[in-house]
Amino acid sequence: MSPDCDFPAELSALPLVELQVLHSRVVCQLEHEYLLNTDGPHPVTQDRHEELVAELEARRDAAPGA
């Protein structure tokens, strides 16, 4: 998922499975960018990863028994 691809504006509206798939795609892109660019990944990719991790953690913490 390159930085120029569409990205949902509101992650909280996505079902968990879609959020997990999106996270997987962004992680693959992040790894790809680390391998190709000695300066590190694109800032947009980093921001997307941080947003996804924050949303996944928020859902985990809000789950019953968390």
PDB file of N, CA and C in Angstrom:
ATOM      1  N   MET A   1       0.856  -1.172   0.000  1.00  0.00           N
ATOM      2  CA  MET A   1       0.000   0.000   0.000  1.00  0.00           C
ATOM      3  C   MET A   1       0.900   1.232   0.000  1.00  0.00           C
ATOM      4  N   SER A   2       1.109   1.779  -1.166  1.00  0.00           N
ATOM      5  CA  SER A   2       2.003   2.925  -1.297  1.00  0.00           C
ATOM      6  C   SER A   2       1.368   4.180  -0.693  1.00  0.00           C
ATOM      7  N   PRO A   3       2.203   5.172  -0.380  1.00  0.00           N
ATOM      8  CA  PRO A   3       1.692   6.395   0.239  1.00  0.00           C
ATOM      9  C   PRO A   3       0.639   7.131  -0.582  1.00  0.00           C
ATOM     10  N   ASP A   4       0.613   6.916  -1.895  1.00  0.00           N
ATOM     11  CA  ASP A   4      -0.372   7.616  -2.725  1.00  0.00           C
ATOM     12  C   ASP A   4      -1.703   6.872  -2.847  1.00  0.00           C
ATOM     13  N   CYS A   5      -1.811   5.689  -2.244  1.00  0.00           N
ATOM     14  CA  CYS A   5      -3.076   4.938  -2.243  1.00  0.00           C
ATOM     15  C   CYS A   5      -4.061   5.555  -1.254  1.00  0.00           C
ATOM     16  N   ASP A   6      -5.340   5.362  -1.532  1.00  0.00           N
ATOM     17  CA  ASP A   6      -6.375   5.844  -0.616  1.00  0.00           C
ATOM     18  C   ASP A   6      -6.250   5.154   0.729  1.00  0.00           C
ATOM     19  N   PHE A   7      -6.537   5.915   1.784  1.00  0.00           N
ATOM     20  CA  PHE A   7      -6.473   5.404   3.149  1.00  0.00           C
ATOM     21  C   PHE A   7      -7.707   5.924   3.873  1.00  0.00           C
ATOM     22  N   PRO A   8      -8.387   5.070   4.640  1.00  0.00           N
ATOM     23  CA  PRO A   8      -9.608   5.511   5.325  1.00  0.00           C
ATOM     24  C   PRO A   8      -9.345   6.689   6.273  1.00  0.00           C
ATOM     25  N   ALA A   9     -10.232   7.646   6.241  1.00  0.00           N
ATOM     26  CA  ALA A   9     -10.099   8.809   7.121  1.00  0.00           C
ATOM     27  C   ALA A   9     -10.425   8.458   8.566  1.00  0.00           C
ATOM     28  N   GLU A  10     -11.340   7.525   8.756  1.00  0.00           N
ATOM     29  CA  GLU A  10     -11.791   7.155  10.105  1.00  0.00           C
ATOM     30  C   GLU A  10     -11.611   5.655  10.309  1.00  0.00           C
ATOM     31  N   LEU A  11     -10.552   5.289  11.012  1.00  0.00           N
ATOM     32  CA  LEU A  11     -10.265   3.867  11.234  1.00  0.00           C
ATOM     33  C   LEU A  11     -11.261   3.211  12.182  1.00  0.00           C
ATOM     34  N   SER A  12     -11.834   3.985  13.079  1.00  0.00           N
ATOM     35  CA  SER A  12     -12.762   3.408  14.057  1.00  0.00           C
ATOM     36  C   SER A  12     -14.032   2.872  13.402  1.00  0.00           C
ATOM     37  N   ALA A  13     -14.309   3.299  12.172  1.00  0.00           N
ATOM     38  CA  ALA A  13     -15.505   2.833  11.467  1.00  0.00           C
ATOM     39  C   ALA A  13     -15.290   1.478  10.788  1.00  0.00           C
ATOM     40  N   LEU A  14     -14.049   1.030  10.696  1.00  0.00           N
ATOM     41  CA  LEU A  14     -13.760  -0.231  10.010  1.00  0.00           C
ATOM     42  C   LEU A  14     -14.005  -1.434  10.918  1.00  0.00           C
ATOM     43  N   PRO A  15     -14.512  -2.519  10.357  1.00  0.00           N
ATOM     44  CA  PRO A  15     -14.591  -3.768  11.123  1.00  0.00           C
ATOM     45  C   PRO A  15     -13.169  -4.240  11.458  1.00  0.00           C
ATOM     46  N   LEU A  16     -13.038  -5.007  12.519  1.00  0.00           N
ATOM     47  CA  LEU A  16     -11.725  -5.452  12.980  1.00  0.00           C
ATOM     48  C   LEU A  16     -10.949  -6.191  11.890  1.00  0.00           C
ATOM     49  N   VAL A  17     -11.607  -7.061  11.158  1.00  0.00           N
ATOM     50  CA  VAL A  17     -10.910  -7.829  10.115  1.00  0.00           C
ATOM     51  C   VAL A  17     -10.331  -6.895   9.052  1.00  0.00           C
ATOM     52  N   GLU A  18     -11.092  -5.906   8.627  1.00  0.00           N
ATOM     53  CA  GLU A  18     -10.593  -4.953   7.632  1.00  0.00           C
ATOM     54  C   GLU A  18      -9.428  -4.146   8.191  1.00  0.00           C
ATOM     55  N   LEU A  19      -9.503  -3.793   9.456  1.00  0.00           N
ATOM     56  CA  LEU A  19      -8.421  -3.055  10.103  1.00  0.00           C
ATOM     57  C   LEU A  19      -7.149  -3.903  10.134  1.00  0.00           C
ATOM     58  N   GLN A  20      -7.291  -5.181  10.444  1.00  0.00           N
ATOM     59  CA  GLN A  20      -6.138  -6.079  10.481  1.00  0.00           C
ATOM     60  C   GLN A  20      -5.525  -6.269   9.097  1.00  0.00           C
ATOM     61  N   VAL A  21      -6.356  -6.379   8.075  1.00  0.00           N
ATOM     62  CA  VAL A  21      -5.852  -6.511   6.704  1.00  0.00           C
ATOM     63  C   VAL A  21      -5.117  -5.239   6.296  1.00  0.00           C
ATOM     64  N   LEU A  22      -5.676  -4.100   6.603  1.00  0.00           N
ATOM     65  CA  LEU A  22      -5.043  -2.826   6.288  1.00  0.00           C
ATOM     66  C   LEU A  22      -3.700  -2.710   7.005  1.00  0.00           C
ATOM     67  N   HIS A  23      -3.660  -3.123   8.264  1.00  0.00           N
ATOM     68  CA  HIS A  23      -2.413  -3.102   9.032  1.00  0.00           C
ATOM     69  C   HIS A  23      -1.365  -3.982   8.352  1.00  0.00           C
ATOM     70  N   SER A  24      -1.761  -5.154   7.923  1.00  0.00           N
ATOM     71  CA  SER A  24      -0.840  -6.065   7.249  1.00  0.00           C
ATOM     72  C   SER A  24      -0.272  -5.441   5.976  1.00  0.00           C
ATOM     73  N   ARG A  25      -1.123  -4.798   5.212  1.00  0.00           N
ATOM     74  CA  ARG A  25      -0.682  -4.163   3.964  1.00  0.00           C
ATOM     75  C   ARG A  25       0.291  -3.021   4.235  1.00  0.00           C
ATOM     76  N   VAL A  26       0.015  -2.239   5.263  1.00  0.00           N
ATOM     77  CA  VAL A  26       0.892  -1.117   5.597  1.00  0.00           C
ATOM     78  C   VAL A  26       2.232  -1.631   6.126  1.00  0.00           C
ATOM     79  N   VAL A  27       2.218  -2.694   6.919  1.00  0.00           N
ATOM     80  CA  VAL A  27       3.467  -3.270   7.423  1.00  0.00           C
ATOM     81  C   VAL A  27       4.315  -3.783   6.258  1.00  0.00           C
ATOM     82  N   CYS A  28       3.697  -4.432   5.292  1.00  0.00           N
ATOM     83  CA  CYS A  28       4.435  -4.894   4.101  1.00  0.00           C
ATOM     84  C   CYS A  28       5.070  -3.718   3.365  1.00  0.00           C
ATOM     85  N   GLN A  29       4.317  -2.634   3.221  1.00  0.00           N
ATOM     86  CA  GLN A  29       4.842  -1.443   2.556  1.00  0.00           C
ATOM     87  C   GLN A  29       5.981  -0.833   3.365  1.00  0.00           C
ATOM     88  N   LEU A  30       5.829  -0.784   4.666  1.00  0.00           N
ATOM     89  CA  LEU A  30       6.863  -0.245   5.548  1.00  0.00           C
ATOM     90  C   LEU A  30       8.160  -1.041   5.385  1.00  0.00           C
ATOM     91  N   GLU A  31       8.062  -2.361   5.401  1.00  0.00           N
ATOM     92  CA  GLU A  31       9.239  -3.216   5.222  1.00  0.00           C
ATOM     93  C   GLU A  31       9.866  -3.006   3.847  1.00  0.00           C
ATOM     94  N   HIS A  32       9.033  -2.896   2.828  1.00  0.00           N
ATOM     95  CA  HIS A  32       9.507  -2.660   1.464  1.00  0.00           C
ATOM     96  C   HIS A  32      10.292  -1.349   1.394  1.00  0.00           C
ATOM     97  N   GLU A  33       9.762  -0.313   2.004  1.00  0.00           N
ATOM     98  CA  GLU A  33      10.422   0.994   1.968  1.00  0.00           C
ATOM     99  C   GLU A  33      11.729   0.988   2.753  1.00  0.00           C
ATOM    100  N   TYR A  34      11.780   0.276   3.875  1.00  0.00           N
ATOM    101  CA  TYR A  34      13.028   0.168   4.634  1.00  0.00           C
ATOM    102  C   TYR A  34      14.112  -0.506   3.790  1.00  0.00           C
ATOM    103  N   LEU A  35      13.727  -1.508   3.004  1.00  0.00           N
ATOM    104  CA  LEU A  35      14.698  -2.231   2.185  1.00  0.00           C
ATOM    105  C   LEU A  35      15.196  -1.406   1.001  1.00  0.00           C
ATOM    106  N   LEU A  36      14.345  -0.561   0.453  1.00  0.00           N
ATOM    107  CA  LEU A  36      14.703   0.187  -0.755  1.00  0.00           C
ATOM    108  C   LEU A  36      15.294   1.565  -0.499  1.00  0.00           C
ATOM    109  N   ASN A  37      15.046   2.134   0.658  1.00  0.00           N
ATOM    110  CA  ASN A  37      15.446   3.511   0.902  1.00  0.00           C
ATOM    111  C   ASN A  37      16.317   3.588   2.147  1.00  0.00           C
ATOM    112  N   THR A  38      17.551   4.003   1.981  1.00  0.00           N
ATOM    113  CA  THR A  38      18.458   4.096   3.128  1.00  0.00           C
ATOM    114  C   THR A  38      18.038   5.188   4.110  1.00  0.00           C
ATOM    115  N   ASP A  39      17.206   6.122   3.663  1.00  0.00           N
ATOM    116  CA  ASP A  39      16.712   7.182   4.551  1.00  0.00           C
ATOM    117  C   ASP A  39      15.525   6.727   5.382  1.00  0.00           C
ATOM    118  N   GLY A  40      15.067   5.509   5.143  1.00  0.00           N
ATOM    119  CA  GLY A  40      13.919   4.994   5.889  1.00  0.00           C
ATOM    120  C   GLY A  40      12.641   5.112   5.092  1.00  0.00           C
ATOM    121  N   PRO A  41      11.541   4.704   5.704  1.00  0.00           N
ATOM    122  CA  PRO A  41      10.261   4.697   4.993  1.00  0.00           C
ATOM    123  C   PRO A  41       9.696   6.101   4.787  1.00  0.00           C
ATOM    124  N   HIS A  42       8.734   6.175   3.900  1.00  0.00           N
ATOM    125  CA  HIS A  42       8.032   7.426   3.612  1.00  0.00           C
ATOM    126  C   HIS A  42       7.280   7.870   4.870  1.00  0.00           C
ATOM    127  N   PRO A  43       7.278   9.167   5.184  1.00  0.00           N
ATOM    128  CA  PRO A  43       6.565   9.652   6.374  1.00  0.00           C
ATOM    129  C   PRO A  43       5.078   9.292   6.388  1.00  0.00           C
ATOM    130  N   VAL A  44       4.441   9.254   5.223  1.00  0.00           N
ATOM    131  CA  VAL A  44       3.020   8.896   5.166  1.00  0.00           C
ATOM    132  C   VAL A  44       2.830   7.448   5.614  1.00  0.00           C
ATOM    133  N   THR A  45       3.715   6.565   5.176  1.00  0.00           N
ATOM    134  CA  THR A  45       3.623   5.160   5.571  1.00  0.00           C
ATOM    135  C   THR A  45       3.828   5.024   7.073  1.00  0.00           C
ATOM    136  N   GLN A  46       4.781   5.740   7.623  1.00  0.00           N
ATOM    137  CA  GLN A  46       5.018   5.707   9.069  1.00  0.00           C
ATOM    138  C   GLN A  46       3.795   6.207   9.832  1.00  0.00           C
ATOM    139  N   ASP A  47       3.217   7.302   9.376  1.00  0.00           N
ATOM    140  CA  ASP A  47       2.032   7.857  10.039  1.00  0.00           C
ATOM    141  C   ASP A  47       0.865   6.878   9.995  1.00  0.00           C
ATOM    142  N   ARG A  48       0.666   6.255   8.855  1.00  0.00           N
ATOM    143  CA  ARG A  48      -0.423   5.281   8.727  1.00  0.00           C
ATOM    144  C   ARG A  48      -0.213   4.114   9.686  1.00  0.00           C
ATOM    145  N   HIS A  49       1.022   3.643   9.777  1.00  0.00           N
ATOM    146  CA  HIS A  49       1.315   2.530  10.680  1.00  0.00           C
ATOM    147  C   HIS A  49       1.015   2.927  12.125  1.00  0.00           C
ATOM    148  N   GLU A  50       1.438   4.110  12.521  1.00  0.00           N
ATOM    149  CA  GLU A  50       1.183   4.582  13.885  1.00  0.00           C
ATOM    150  C   GLU A  50      -0.315   4.699  14.160  1.00  0.00           C
ATOM    151  N   GLU A  51      -1.077   5.205  13.203  1.00  0.00           N
ATOM    152  CA  GLU A  51      -2.530   5.318  13.363  1.00  0.00           C
ATOM    153  C   GLU A  51      -3.178   3.942  13.524  1.00  0.00           C
ATOM    154  N   LEU A  52      -2.744   3.000  12.708  1.00  0.00           N
ATOM    155  CA  LEU A  52      -3.308   1.648  12.774  1.00  0.00           C
ATOM    156  C   LEU A  52      -2.976   0.972  14.096  1.00  0.00           C
ATOM    157  N   VAL A  53      -1.743   1.092  14.539  1.00  0.00           N
ATOM    158  CA  VAL A  53      -1.347   0.492  15.818  1.00  0.00           C
ATOM    159  C   VAL A  53      -2.150   1.114  16.955  1.00  0.00           C
ATOM    160  N   ALA A  54      -2.319   2.426  16.935  1.00  0.00           N
ATOM    161  CA  ALA A  54      -3.094   3.096  17.981  1.00  0.00           C
ATOM    162  C   ALA A  54      -4.540   2.603  17.995  1.00  0.00           C
ATOM    163  N   GLU A  55      -5.140   2.438  16.824  1.00  0.00           N
ATOM    164  CA  GLU A  55      -6.528   1.962  16.751  1.00  0.00           C
ATOM    165  C   GLU A  55      -6.634   0.514  17.225  1.00  0.00           C
ATOM    166  N   LEU A  56      -5.698  -0.331  16.817  1.00  0.00           N
ATOM    167  CA  LEU A  56      -5.721  -1.729  17.262  1.00  0.00           C
ATOM    168  C   LEU A  56      -5.538  -1.824  18.777  1.00  0.00           C
ATOM    169  N   GLU A  57      -4.645  -1.016  19.338  1.00  0.00           N
ATOM    170  CA  GLU A  57      -4.436  -1.017  20.788  1.00  0.00           C
ATOM    171  C   GLU A  57      -5.664  -0.496  21.522  1.00  0.00           C
ATOM    172  N   ALA A  58      -6.306   0.523  20.977  1.00  0.00           N
ATOM    173  CA  ALA A  58      -7.515   1.066  21.606  1.00  0.00           C
ATOM    174  C   ALA A  58      -8.616   0.016  21.640  1.00  0.00           C
ATOM    175  N   ARG A  59      -8.755  -0.721  20.565  1.00  0.00           N
ATOM    176  CA  ARG A  59      -9.775  -1.778  20.535  1.00  0.00           C
ATOM    177  C   ARG A  59      -9.428  -2.904  21.497  1.00  0.00           C
ATOM    178  N   ARG A  60      -8.158  -3.252  21.568  1.00  0.00           N
ATOM    179  CA  ARG A  60      -7.737  -4.301  22.497  1.00  0.00           C
ATOM    180  C   ARG A  60      -8.029  -3.878  23.938  1.00  0.00           C
ATOM    181  N   ASP A  61      -7.705  -2.639  24.260  1.00  0.00           N
ATOM    182  CA  ASP A  61      -7.912  -2.141  25.621  1.00  0.00           C
ATOM    183  C   ASP A  61      -9.385  -1.997  25.969  1.00  0.00           C
ATOM    184  N   ALA A  62     -10.225  -1.782  24.960  1.00  0.00           N
ATOM    185  CA  ALA A  62     -11.663  -1.622  25.192  1.00  0.00           C
ATOM    186  C   ALA A  62     -12.399  -2.956  25.235  1.00  0.00           C
ATOM    187  N   ALA A  63     -11.718  -4.019  24.844  1.00  0.00           N
ATOM    188  CA  ALA A  63     -12.360  -5.340  24.806  1.00  0.00           C
ATOM    189  C   ALA A  63     -12.644  -5.830  26.222  1.00  0.00           C
ATOM    190  N   PRO A  64     -13.740  -6.555  26.400  1.00  0.00           N
ATOM    191  CA  PRO A  64     -14.047  -7.107  27.723  1.00  0.00           C
ATOM    192  C   PRO A  64     -12.914  -8.007  28.210  1.00  0.00           C
ATOM    193  N   GLY A  65     -12.562  -7.833  29.464  1.00  0.00           N
ATOM    194  CA  GLY A  65     -11.505  -8.633  30.061  1.00  0.00           C
ATOM    195  C   GLY A  65     -10.108  -8.130  29.758  1.00  0.00           C
ATOM    196  N   ALA A  66     -10.015  -6.964  29.133  1.00  0.00           N
ATOM    197  CA  ALA A  66      -8.691  -6.431  28.789  1.00  0.00           C
ATOM    198  C   ALA A  66      -8.030  -5.796  29.983  1.00  0.00           C
TER     199      ALA A  66
END
